[in-house]
Protein backbone atom coordinates (compact mmCIF):
# COMPACT_ATOMS: atom_id res chain seq x y z
CA UNK A 1 -72.27 -0.55 -15.76
CA UNK A 2 -74.39 2.50 -14.94
CA UNK A 3 -77.59 2.07 -12.95
CA UNK A 4 -80.71 1.86 -15.10
CA UNK A 5 -83.04 4.77 -14.37
CA UNK A 6 -86.67 3.67 -14.04
CA UNK A 7 -88.03 6.21 -11.53
CA UNK A 8 -87.04 9.63 -10.22
CA UNK A 9 -85.22 8.14 -7.24
CA UNK A 10 -83.11 6.00 -9.55
CA UNK A 11 -81.64 9.26 -10.83
CA UNK A 12 -78.96 10.58 -8.47
CA UNK A 13 -79.69 14.14 -9.62
CA UNK A 14 -83.41 13.85 -8.87
CA UNK A 15 -83.12 12.25 -5.45
CA UNK A 16 -80.48 14.78 -4.39
CA UNK A 17 -82.72 17.57 -5.68
CA UNK A 18 -85.51 16.22 -3.48
CA UNK A 19 -83.07 16.18 -0.56
CA UNK A 20 -82.02 19.80 -1.28
CA UNK A 21 -85.65 20.96 -1.17
CA UNK A 22 -86.20 19.29 2.19
CA UNK A 23 -82.86 20.51 3.57
CA UNK A 24 -83.49 24.13 2.56
CA UNK A 25 -86.83 24.01 4.34
CA UNK A 26 -85.12 22.82 7.53
CA UNK A 27 -82.32 25.37 7.06
CA UNK A 28 -84.88 28.18 7.19
CA UNK A 29 -86.63 26.68 10.22
CA UNK A 30 -83.35 26.35 12.14
CA UNK A 31 -82.74 30.06 11.63
CA UNK A 32 -86.15 31.01 13.01
CA UNK A 33 -85.79 28.59 15.92
CA UNK A 34 -83.06 30.74 17.51
CA UNK A 35 -83.95 34.08 15.92
CA UNK A 36 -84.12 35.87 19.31
CA UNK A 37 -81.16 34.16 21.00
CA UNK A 38 -78.46 36.60 19.78
CA UNK A 39 -80.62 39.67 20.64
CA UNK A 40 -81.74 38.74 24.16
CA UNK A 41 -80.36 42.04 25.47
CA UNK A 42 -82.40 44.02 22.92
CA UNK A 43 -85.58 42.19 23.88
CA UNK A 44 -85.05 43.37 27.45
CA UNK A 45 -84.23 46.97 26.47
CA UNK A 46 -86.92 47.46 23.81
CA UNK A 47 -89.73 45.08 24.81
CA UNK A 48 -89.26 44.78 28.55
CA UNK A 49 -88.56 41.05 28.52
CA UNK A 50 -86.47 40.07 31.54
CA UNK A 51 -84.64 36.75 31.63
CA UNK A 52 -87.69 34.92 33.01
CA UNK A 53 -89.92 36.23 30.23
CA UNK A 54 -87.30 35.43 27.59
CA UNK A 55 -86.66 31.92 28.91
CA UNK A 56 -90.37 31.14 29.29
CA UNK A 57 -91.12 32.33 25.76
CA UNK A 58 -88.23 30.37 24.25
CA UNK A 59 -89.17 27.22 26.17
CA UNK A 60 -92.75 27.48 24.88
CA UNK A 61 -91.54 26.13 21.51
CA UNK A 62 -91.82 22.51 22.65
CA UNK A 63 -94.72 22.92 25.10
CA UNK A 64 -97.48 21.48 22.90
CA UNK A 65 -95.18 18.74 21.60
CA UNK A 66 -94.38 17.53 25.11
CA UNK A 67 -97.50 18.16 27.17
CA UNK A 68 -100.24 17.89 24.56
CA UNK A 69 -98.46 15.03 22.77
CA UNK A 70 -98.68 16.82 19.43
CA UNK A 71 -95.64 14.98 18.10
CA UNK A 72 -97.40 11.65 18.57
CA UNK A 73 -100.33 12.94 16.53
CA UNK A 74 -97.88 14.29 13.95
CA UNK A 75 -96.43 10.79 13.54
CA UNK A 76 -99.89 9.34 13.07
CA UNK A 77 -100.69 12.02 10.48
CA UNK A 78 -97.44 11.22 8.68
CA UNK A 79 -98.11 7.48 8.61
CA UNK A 80 -101.75 7.90 7.49
CA UNK A 81 -101.43 10.86 5.10
CA UNK A 82 -97.90 10.47 3.77
CA UNK A 83 -94.85 12.67 3.33
CA UNK A 84 -96.33 15.14 0.84
CA UNK A 85 -99.37 16.20 2.85
CA UNK A 86 -97.44 16.39 6.12
CA UNK A 87 -94.63 18.45 4.57
CA UNK A 88 -97.12 21.05 3.33
CA UNK A 89 -98.98 21.04 6.65
CA UNK A 90 -95.79 21.51 8.65
CA UNK A 91 -94.62 24.35 6.40
CA UNK A 92 -97.96 26.16 6.75
CA UNK A 93 -98.05 25.71 10.54
CA UNK A 94 -94.48 27.02 10.90
CA UNK A 95 -95.28 30.08 8.79
CA UNK A 96 -98.45 30.92 10.76
CA UNK A 97 -96.59 30.55 14.06
CA UNK A 98 -93.73 32.73 12.77
CA UNK A 99 -96.14 35.48 11.69
CA UNK A 100 -97.79 35.50 15.12
CA UNK A 101 -94.42 35.79 16.85
CA UNK A 102 -93.38 38.59 14.51
CA UNK A 103 -96.59 40.56 15.16
CA UNK A 104 -96.10 40.15 18.92
CA UNK A 105 -92.78 42.04 18.84
CA UNK A 106 -93.83 44.79 16.40
CA UNK A 107 -94.67 48.35 17.39
CA UNK A 108 -98.13 47.75 15.89
CA UNK A 109 -99.00 45.38 18.75
CA UNK A 110 -98.31 48.00 21.42
CA UNK A 111 -101.41 49.73 22.73
CA UNK A 112 -103.90 47.43 20.99
CA UNK A 113 -106.88 45.74 22.58
CA UNK A 114 -105.09 42.44 21.99
CA UNK A 115 -102.20 43.61 24.15
CA UNK A 116 -104.66 44.55 26.90
CA UNK A 117 -106.30 41.12 26.66
CA UNK A 118 -102.99 39.30 27.00
CA UNK A 119 -102.01 41.49 29.93
CA UNK A 120 -105.23 40.55 31.75
CA UNK A 121 -105.42 36.86 30.80
CA UNK A 122 -103.30 33.68 30.76
CA UNK A 123 -101.85 34.63 34.15
CA UNK A 124 -102.97 31.36 35.68
CA UNK A 125 -103.51 28.01 33.94
CA UNK A 126 -104.93 25.26 36.18
CA UNK A 127 -102.87 22.08 36.60
CA UNK A 128 -99.97 23.40 34.52
CA UNK A 129 -99.29 26.14 37.09
CA UNK A 130 -99.48 23.61 39.92
CA UNK A 131 -96.99 21.40 38.08
CA UNK A 132 -94.72 24.37 37.41
CA UNK A 133 -94.74 23.87 33.63
CA UNK A 134 -97.06 26.67 32.48
CA UNK A 135 -95.89 28.56 29.37
CA UNK A 136 -97.13 31.81 30.93
CA UNK A 137 -97.05 33.53 34.33
CA UNK A 138 -98.55 36.57 35.99
CA UNK A 139 -96.59 39.69 35.11
CA UNK A 140 -95.23 38.25 31.86
CA UNK A 141 -95.29 40.97 29.16
CA UNK A 142 -98.20 40.67 26.75
CA UNK A 143 -95.82 40.63 23.78
CA UNK A 144 -93.96 37.67 25.30
CA UNK A 145 -97.22 35.80 25.88
CA UNK A 146 -98.39 36.25 22.29
CA UNK A 147 -94.90 35.43 20.98
CA UNK A 148 -94.98 32.26 23.10
CA UNK A 149 -98.30 31.29 21.48
CA UNK A 150 -96.80 31.76 18.04
CA UNK A 151 -93.65 29.90 19.02
CA UNK A 152 -95.72 26.96 20.31
CA UNK A 153 -97.39 26.73 16.92
CA UNK A 154 -94.05 27.05 15.15
CA UNK A 155 -92.65 24.33 17.41
CA UNK A 156 -95.41 21.96 16.36
CA UNK A 157 -94.65 22.64 12.71
CA UNK A 158 -90.86 22.38 12.96
CA UNK A 159 -90.93 19.05 14.79
CA UNK A 160 -93.52 17.73 12.35
CA UNK A 161 -91.22 18.87 9.55
CA UNK A 162 -88.30 17.09 11.20
CA UNK A 163 -89.97 13.68 11.24
CA UNK A 164 -91.38 14.28 7.76
CA UNK A 165 -87.96 15.09 6.31
CA UNK A 166 -86.50 11.96 7.94
CA UNK A 167 -89.29 9.85 6.45
CA UNK A 168 -88.86 11.54 3.06
CA UNK A 169 -85.14 10.76 3.01
CA UNK A 170 -85.85 7.13 3.87
CA UNK A 171 -88.35 7.02 1.00
CA UNK A 172 -85.93 8.45 -1.58
CA UNK A 173 -82.65 6.93 -0.37
CA UNK A 174 -83.37 3.55 1.24
CA UNK A 175 -80.90 1.00 -0.12
CA UNK A 176 -78.72 3.81 -1.41
CA UNK A 177 -76.61 6.50 0.26
CA UNK A 178 -79.12 7.11 3.07
CA UNK A 179 -76.69 8.02 5.87
CA UNK A 180 -74.85 10.40 3.54
CA UNK A 181 -78.19 11.98 2.62
CA UNK A 182 -79.29 12.40 6.25
CA UNK A 183 -75.92 13.75 7.24
CA UNK A 184 -75.87 16.19 4.32
CA UNK A 185 -79.40 17.40 5.12
CA UNK A 186 -78.50 18.15 8.71
CA UNK A 187 -75.18 19.72 7.74
CA UNK A 188 -77.02 22.26 5.58
CA UNK A 189 -79.82 22.72 8.11
CA UNK A 190 -77.36 23.46 10.91
CA UNK A 191 -75.84 26.27 8.91
CA UNK A 192 -79.04 27.96 10.02
CA UNK A 193 -77.55 28.26 13.52
CA UNK A 194 -74.58 30.23 12.21
CA UNK A 195 -76.80 32.26 9.88
CA UNK A 196 -79.04 33.20 12.79
CA UNK A 197 -76.13 34.21 15.02
CA UNK A 198 -74.78 36.53 12.32
CA UNK A 199 -77.90 38.00 10.73
CA UNK A 200 -80.39 38.34 13.58
CA UNK A 201 -78.31 41.09 15.28
CA UNK A 202 -77.47 42.52 11.84
CA UNK A 203 -81.11 43.12 10.88
CA UNK A 204 -82.07 44.25 14.38
CA UNK A 205 -79.38 46.98 14.32
CA UNK A 206 -79.44 47.77 10.58
CA UNK A 207 -78.74 51.43 9.84
CA UNK A 208 -78.26 52.24 13.51
CA UNK A 209 -82.02 52.06 14.08
CA UNK A 210 -82.84 49.28 16.57
CA UNK A 211 -85.87 47.15 15.61
CA UNK A 212 -86.25 43.67 17.09
CA UNK A 213 -89.26 43.01 14.84
CA UNK A 214 -87.06 43.49 11.78
CA UNK A 215 -84.93 40.52 12.85
CA UNK A 216 -88.03 38.37 13.29
CA UNK A 217 -89.41 39.58 9.95
CA UNK A 218 -86.22 38.25 8.34
CA UNK A 219 -87.14 34.86 9.82
CA UNK A 220 -90.72 35.11 8.53
CA UNK A 221 -89.47 35.68 4.98
CA UNK A 222 -87.33 32.56 5.31
CA UNK A 223 -90.37 30.57 6.48
CA UNK A 224 -92.18 31.64 3.30
CA UNK A 225 -89.23 30.25 1.34
CA UNK A 226 -89.42 27.01 3.36
CA UNK A 227 -93.07 26.57 2.45
CA UNK A 228 -92.23 27.10 -1.24
CA UNK A 229 -89.53 24.40 -0.98
CA UNK A 230 -92.08 21.95 0.48
CA UNK A 231 -94.59 22.80 -2.27
CA UNK A 232 -92.04 22.00 -4.98
CA UNK A 233 -91.15 18.78 -3.13
CA UNK A 234 -94.89 17.92 -3.08
CA UNK A 235 -94.98 17.72 -6.88
CA UNK A 236 -91.72 15.76 -7.12
CA UNK A 237 -92.91 13.22 -4.57
CA UNK A 238 -96.29 12.92 -6.26
CA UNK A 239 -94.61 12.11 -9.57
CA UNK A 240 -92.44 9.48 -7.88
CA UNK A 241 -95.52 7.74 -6.45
CA UNK A 242 -97.15 7.72 -9.88
CA UNK A 243 -94.06 6.05 -11.31
CA UNK A 244 -93.81 3.42 -8.56
CA UNK A 245 -97.53 2.90 -8.05
CA UNK A 246 -97.11 3.55 -4.32
CA UNK A 247 -99.94 4.99 -2.28
CA UNK A 248 -98.42 5.38 1.15
CA UNK A 249 -101.56 6.73 2.73
CA UNK A 250 -103.54 3.59 1.83
CA UNK A 251 -101.13 0.68 2.04
CA UNK A 252 -100.63 -0.77 5.53
CA UNK A 253 -102.79 1.79 7.37
CA UNK A 254 -101.58 2.91 10.79
CA UNK A 255 -103.02 1.20 13.85
CA UNK A 256 -102.65 2.42 17.43
CA UNK A 257 -101.45 -1.07 18.36
CA UNK A 258 -98.36 -0.44 16.25
CA UNK A 259 -97.10 1.95 18.94
CA UNK A 260 -96.87 -1.04 21.26
CA UNK A 261 -94.53 -2.76 18.83
CA UNK A 262 -92.24 0.27 18.93
CA UNK A 263 -92.31 0.67 22.72
CA UNK A 264 -91.41 -2.98 23.33
CA UNK A 265 -88.32 -2.72 21.12
CA UNK A 266 -85.17 -2.46 23.29
CA UNK A 267 -83.07 -1.13 20.42
CA UNK A 268 -85.59 1.64 19.83
CA UNK A 269 -85.41 2.72 23.48
CA UNK A 270 -81.61 2.78 23.50
CA UNK A 271 -81.51 4.88 20.34
CA UNK A 272 -84.18 7.20 21.80
CA UNK A 273 -82.22 7.69 25.02
CA UNK A 274 -79.06 8.40 23.06
CA UNK A 275 -80.99 10.97 21.03
CA UNK A 276 -82.43 12.81 24.03
CA UNK A 277 -79.04 12.88 25.79
CA UNK A 278 -77.23 14.18 22.70
CA UNK A 279 -79.78 16.87 21.88
CA UNK A 280 -80.25 17.92 25.52
CA UNK A 281 -76.54 18.64 25.75
CA UNK A 282 -76.55 20.68 22.53
CA UNK A 283 -79.76 22.64 21.83
CA UNK A 284 -80.23 24.00 25.39
CA UNK A 285 -76.51 24.83 25.36
CA UNK A 286 -77.06 26.97 22.25
CA UNK A 287 -79.46 29.18 24.23
CA UNK A 288 -76.75 29.94 26.78
CA UNK A 289 -73.57 29.54 24.70
CA UNK A 290 -73.16 33.21 23.78
CA UNK A 291 -73.59 34.27 27.40
CA UNK A 292 -71.18 31.53 28.52
CA UNK A 293 -68.56 32.93 26.14
CA UNK A 294 -69.24 36.47 27.35
CA UNK A 295 -68.55 35.26 30.90
CA UNK A 296 -65.44 33.17 30.16
CA UNK A 297 -63.65 35.21 27.48
CA UNK A 298 -62.08 38.64 27.79
CA UNK A 299 -63.43 41.04 25.15
CA UNK A 300 -61.78 44.33 24.21
CA UNK A 301 -63.69 47.41 23.10
CA UNK A 302 -63.63 47.93 19.32
CA UNK A 303 -63.36 51.42 17.84
CA UNK A 304 -66.91 52.12 16.56
CA UNK A 305 -65.45 53.93 13.52
CA UNK A 306 -63.20 51.03 12.50
CA UNK A 307 -63.86 48.39 9.85
CA UNK A 308 -64.17 45.75 12.58
CA UNK A 309 -67.26 47.47 13.97
CA UNK A 310 -68.93 48.13 10.60
CA UNK A 311 -72.14 46.56 9.33
CA UNK A 312 -70.42 45.46 6.12
CA UNK A 313 -68.19 43.13 8.15
CA UNK A 314 -71.25 40.96 8.81
CA UNK A 315 -71.73 40.39 5.08
CA UNK A 316 -68.05 39.57 4.56
CA UNK A 317 -68.12 37.12 7.46
CA UNK A 318 -71.13 35.32 6.05
CA UNK A 319 -69.64 35.11 2.56
CA UNK A 320 -66.50 33.54 4.04
CA UNK A 321 -68.69 31.18 6.08
CA UNK A 322 -70.47 30.06 2.90
CA UNK A 323 -67.11 29.49 1.22
CA UNK A 324 -66.03 27.32 4.17
CA UNK A 325 -69.25 25.29 4.05
CA UNK A 326 -69.39 24.95 0.26
CA UNK A 327 -65.77 23.92 -0.26
CA UNK A 328 -65.77 21.50 2.70
CA UNK A 329 -69.01 19.91 1.52
CA UNK A 330 -68.02 19.71 -2.16
CA UNK A 331 -64.69 18.09 -1.31
CA UNK A 332 -66.61 14.97 -0.28
CA UNK A 333 -67.75 14.41 -3.87
CA UNK A 334 -64.49 15.08 -5.72
CA UNK A 335 -62.99 12.02 -7.40
CA UNK A 336 -59.83 13.85 -8.38
CA UNK A 337 -57.45 14.03 -5.39
CA UNK A 338 -56.03 17.36 -6.50
CA UNK A 339 -59.47 18.95 -6.62
CA UNK A 340 -60.46 17.32 -3.33
CA UNK A 341 -57.47 18.54 -1.34
CA UNK A 342 -57.51 21.88 -3.11
CA UNK A 343 -61.06 22.50 -1.89
CA UNK A 344 -60.09 21.38 1.61
CA UNK A 345 -57.19 23.83 1.64
CA UNK A 346 -59.50 26.66 0.58
CA UNK A 347 -61.94 25.65 3.32
CA UNK A 348 -59.24 25.61 6.03
CA UNK A 349 -57.79 28.97 4.93
CA UNK A 350 -61.28 30.51 4.86
CA UNK A 351 -62.00 29.10 8.34
CA UNK A 352 -58.82 30.68 9.71
CA UNK A 353 -59.81 34.00 8.10
CA UNK A 354 -63.28 33.80 9.63
CA UNK A 355 -61.88 33.06 13.09
CA UNK A 356 -59.48 35.99 12.79
CA UNK A 357 -62.35 38.31 11.80
CA UNK A 358 -64.40 37.07 14.75
CA UNK A 359 -61.45 37.76 17.05
CA UNK A 360 -60.97 41.26 15.68
CA UNK A 361 -64.70 41.93 15.96
CA UNK A 362 -64.61 40.86 19.64
CA UNK A 363 -68.08 39.35 19.38
CA UNK A 364 -69.31 36.28 21.27
CA UNK A 365 -71.96 35.73 18.59
CA UNK A 366 -69.27 35.54 15.89
CA UNK A 367 -67.26 33.06 17.94
CA UNK A 368 -70.16 30.68 18.47
CA UNK A 369 -71.24 30.96 14.82
CA UNK A 370 -68.41 28.54 13.90
CA UNK A 371 -70.35 25.78 15.71
CA UNK A 372 -71.70 23.98 12.59
CA UNK A 373 -68.83 24.68 10.19
CA UNK A 374 -66.64 21.63 10.83
CA UNK A 375 -69.78 19.49 10.90
CA UNK A 376 -70.68 20.60 7.36
CA UNK A 377 -67.43 19.11 6.09
CA UNK A 378 -67.27 15.89 8.10
CA UNK A 379 -70.94 14.89 8.34
CA UNK A 380 -71.06 13.70 4.71
CA UNK A 381 -67.80 11.82 5.31
CA UNK A 382 -69.29 10.09 8.34
CA UNK A 383 -72.53 9.38 6.51
CA UNK A 384 -70.68 7.92 3.54
CA UNK A 385 -68.64 5.74 5.89
CA UNK A 386 -71.77 4.42 7.62
CA UNK A 387 -73.35 3.72 4.21
CA UNK A 388 -70.41 1.67 2.97
CA UNK A 389 -68.60 0.43 6.10
CA UNK A 390 -71.19 0.58 8.91
CA UNK A 391 -70.04 1.07 12.54
CA UNK A 392 -72.94 3.41 13.41
CA UNK A 393 -73.04 2.35 17.08
CA UNK A 394 -69.27 2.81 17.40
CA UNK A 395 -69.56 6.33 16.03
CA UNK A 396 -72.18 7.16 18.64
CA UNK A 397 -69.74 6.08 21.34
CA UNK A 398 -67.07 8.35 19.82
CA UNK A 399 -69.55 11.21 19.71
CA UNK A 400 -70.29 10.75 23.41
CA UNK A 401 -66.58 10.95 24.27
CA UNK A 402 -66.21 14.19 22.31
CA UNK A 403 -69.34 15.61 23.97
CA UNK A 404 -67.89 14.93 27.42
CA UNK A 405 -64.51 16.44 26.54
CA UNK A 406 -66.00 19.63 25.09
CA UNK A 407 -68.33 20.43 27.98
CA UNK A 408 -65.60 19.71 30.53
CA UNK A 409 -63.34 22.09 28.58
CA UNK A 410 -66.00 24.81 28.69
CA UNK A 411 -66.56 24.18 32.41
CA UNK A 412 -63.00 23.96 33.74
CA UNK A 413 -60.36 24.84 31.12
CA UNK A 414 -61.79 27.86 29.27
CA UNK A 415 -62.22 29.92 32.50
CA UNK A 416 -58.48 29.49 33.13
CA UNK A 417 -57.83 31.68 30.07
CA UNK A 418 -59.94 34.58 31.34
CA UNK A 419 -57.73 37.63 30.88
CA UNK A 420 -55.70 36.06 28.07
CA UNK A 421 -57.67 37.30 25.07
CA UNK A 422 -56.02 35.47 22.16
CA UNK A 423 -55.48 32.14 23.99
CA UNK A 424 -59.06 32.12 25.25
CA UNK A 425 -60.43 32.70 21.75
CA UNK A 426 -58.31 29.85 20.34
CA UNK A 427 -59.50 27.39 23.00
CA UNK A 428 -63.11 28.50 22.48
CA UNK A 429 -62.93 28.16 18.68
CA UNK A 430 -61.38 24.69 18.78
CA UNK A 431 -63.81 23.39 21.41
CA UNK A 432 -66.87 24.77 19.61
CA UNK A 433 -65.74 23.24 16.30
CA UNK A 434 -65.16 19.84 17.91
CA UNK A 435 -68.53 20.02 19.68
CA UNK A 436 -70.21 20.71 16.35
CA UNK A 437 -68.41 17.77 14.79
CA UNK A 438 -69.50 15.45 17.61
CA UNK A 439 -73.08 16.56 17.04
CA UNK A 440 -72.75 15.60 13.37
CA UNK A 441 -72.51 11.97 14.43
CA UNK A 442 -76.21 11.99 15.33
CA UNK A 443 -77.66 12.46 11.82
CA UNK A 444 -74.90 10.40 10.21
CA UNK A 445 -75.13 7.41 12.55
CA UNK A 446 -78.27 7.54 14.72
CA UNK A 447 -81.13 8.53 12.42
CA UNK A 448 -80.30 6.01 9.64
CA UNK A 449 -80.39 3.28 12.32
CA UNK A 450 -84.12 3.72 13.00
CA UNK A 451 -85.31 1.96 9.80
CA UNK A 452 -83.28 -1.08 10.94
CA UNK A 453 -85.26 -1.25 14.19
CA UNK A 454 -88.92 -0.87 13.12
CA UNK A 455 -91.22 -1.88 10.26
CA UNK A 456 -91.28 0.45 7.30
CA UNK A 457 -94.99 1.34 7.72
CA UNK A 458 -94.47 2.76 11.22
CA UNK A 459 -91.22 4.64 10.65
CA UNK A 460 -93.11 7.93 10.90
CA UNK A 461 -94.50 7.00 14.31
CA UNK A 462 -91.08 5.76 15.46
CA UNK A 463 -89.45 9.05 14.51
CA UNK A 464 -92.32 10.91 16.20
CA UNK A 465 -91.81 9.03 19.46
CA UNK A 466 -88.07 9.70 19.36
CA UNK A 467 -88.68 13.38 18.71
CA UNK A 468 -91.22 13.49 21.56
CA UNK A 469 -88.73 11.95 23.98
CA UNK A 470 -86.11 14.39 22.68
CA UNK A 471 -88.48 17.33 23.25
CA UNK A 472 -88.81 16.43 26.93
CA UNK A 473 -85.09 17.08 27.26
CA UNK A 474 -85.31 20.28 25.22
CA UNK A 475 -87.98 21.54 27.62
CA UNK A 476 -86.35 20.34 30.86
CA UNK A 477 -82.66 21.17 30.53
CA UNK A 478 -82.92 24.88 29.65
CA UNK A 479 -84.95 25.27 32.84
CA UNK A 480 -82.39 23.29 34.87
CA UNK A 481 -79.54 25.31 33.37
CA UNK A 482 -81.18 28.59 34.35
CA UNK A 483 -81.99 27.40 37.88
CA UNK A 484 -78.42 26.18 38.35
CA UNK A 485 -77.08 29.55 37.24
CA UNK A 486 -79.33 31.30 39.75
CA UNK A 487 -78.47 28.95 42.61
CA UNK A 488 -74.69 28.94 42.06
CA UNK A 489 -74.25 32.69 41.51
CA UNK A 490 -74.88 35.42 44.12
CA UNK A 491 -77.96 37.55 43.53
CA UNK A 492 -77.17 40.64 41.48
CA UNK A 493 -74.25 39.08 39.59
CA UNK A 494 -73.73 40.89 36.28
CA UNK A 495 -74.92 39.02 33.20
CA UNK A 496 -71.37 38.80 31.85
CA UNK A 497 -69.84 37.61 35.15
CA UNK A 498 -71.89 34.46 35.78
CA UNK A 499 -70.18 31.18 36.64
CA UNK A 500 -71.42 28.47 34.24
CA UNK A 501 -69.34 25.61 35.68
CA UNK A 502 -72.11 23.58 37.35
CA UNK A 503 -74.61 23.49 34.45
CA UNK A 504 -71.80 22.74 32.01
CA UNK A 505 -70.74 19.84 34.23
CA UNK A 506 -74.36 18.67 34.02
CA UNK A 507 -74.06 18.54 30.23
CA UNK A 508 -70.83 16.55 30.56
CA UNK A 509 -72.82 14.13 32.77
CA UNK A 510 -75.35 13.73 29.95
CA UNK A 511 -72.44 12.82 27.67
CA UNK A 512 -71.29 10.20 30.18
CA UNK A 513 -74.76 8.63 30.25
CA UNK A 514 -74.80 8.65 26.44
CA UNK A 515 -71.43 6.88 26.45
CA UNK A 516 -72.71 4.12 28.75
CA UNK A 517 -75.87 3.66 26.68
CA UNK A 518 -73.84 3.64 23.46
CA UNK A 519 -71.61 0.87 24.81
CA UNK A 520 -74.66 -1.12 25.88
CA UNK A 521 -76.24 -0.58 22.45
CA UNK A 522 -73.19 -2.20 20.88
CA UNK A 523 -73.72 -5.24 23.13
CA UNK A 524 -77.44 -5.44 22.26
CA UNK A 525 -76.67 -5.04 18.56
CA UNK A 526 -74.24 -7.96 18.72
CA UNK A 527 -76.73 -10.14 20.64
CA UNK A 528 -79.89 -9.26 18.70
CA UNK A 529 -78.24 -8.83 15.29
CA UNK A 530 -79.90 -5.43 14.75
CA UNK A 531 -77.44 -4.57 11.99
CA UNK A 532 -76.39 -1.21 13.44
CA UNK A 533 -72.72 -1.94 12.76
CA UNK A 534 -73.47 -3.13 9.22
CA UNK A 535 -73.33 -0.85 6.16
CA UNK A 536 -76.55 0.57 4.70
CA UNK A 537 -75.46 -0.26 1.17
CA UNK A 538 -74.97 -3.99 0.81
CA UNK A 539 -72.39 -5.20 -1.71
CA UNK A 540 -73.95 -7.12 -4.56
């Protein structure tokens, strides 16, 4: 008997369309988030950003979220104003921040009165300088300061978008395939990491004319597309509320006292700690991953006149990457076994082809771009399993074990293959793919657990608090990584000869803490009957 369709969310096509709109918005934001990471060397050569300037600017993304508590306010806005308003607001804020960052790295900014102002100001910020957390410092290039301001604004918008998308998925999928939806959204969004790694250098070097602003402009265009996606979602969500008679901004208004209910929830704290440990071992790692590969792999020089050094190779690589992602993702929804395994075979063959092309290109960026590809295929599988079988807490424990294994491999095993080009590439590819798959356990298992821990009316605030705690790690661990690199390597060590062992061991330690907390969460779930091991879709 087919399900009777009474509202838009009763239609599988409509609720998955709503998910696609939200996921595409996050896909674009993930690209812009790391838009400068693959071209760090160009920022130094063409804008005078040394490593300190680059790191300070990149860390500025979460500054307002952590130290001005913007994420907390974002959660309150979401609970009081609803998904539609907050989605539009987050899209607009991200776009404005992206435009500011783009202008900061353009030639048009050079020599302006604004550049002079930034050179002469923001060199000292009381309290923040004393605490050592200022987003600026004396001697920081004016372009980096203005870019940091734009990136702060973008960071507010992207984190607001993150909690809004999570709330939107809960709204459209609660009682249905919610874990599959969250996993699918993040699988698509994380393709943005690979897209950034491939296309940011491509646009910066297009036609042999170096322009770092062109790469950032590519990101700005994508942020315009993200805003359009949120606008279309606005109308879909509005129609849904008219059908259901819901008025989320009026029913059960948010009260500050509700935060106390969240903070006194042990399950909430355990899930939050798991989140910050997972993300702190992944996102900061992305900032350094390309350099880590440059230091631990042996790269050969490619003939500049060969196909493997051509600009067209970038397009071919991305097309193959899309084939990998599309076929792996679609295989999850095939009822016919022949079609299912046929798509999987195509995906595996395409993945092997991509890895071979990355090897022939001798590019660290191409190697790390495989990071989200395995996750795209298995995240929906994991989400579907959690929806129908449960075991979310157990999956988090498994994810912690994989996290530990991968970072220990990067720290101690990969350096052993230095000098053995092919073997080193194989170890790197396998480890990066497994790390990406372990990360897929977070959206598939962790995020759908939050609605089981808090009341529906304060889900937005609960997600906001989790994201705020997560942002503390995203601010802290890139700084620790950089300081560890400086303290464990002799001064003057070449950028491609650094020893990354100690900071990578730190990330493995985060995985160990996540494992212990995950095991304890299973105990608490059994004692308190939180339902984390139970399926999201109850049999009728």
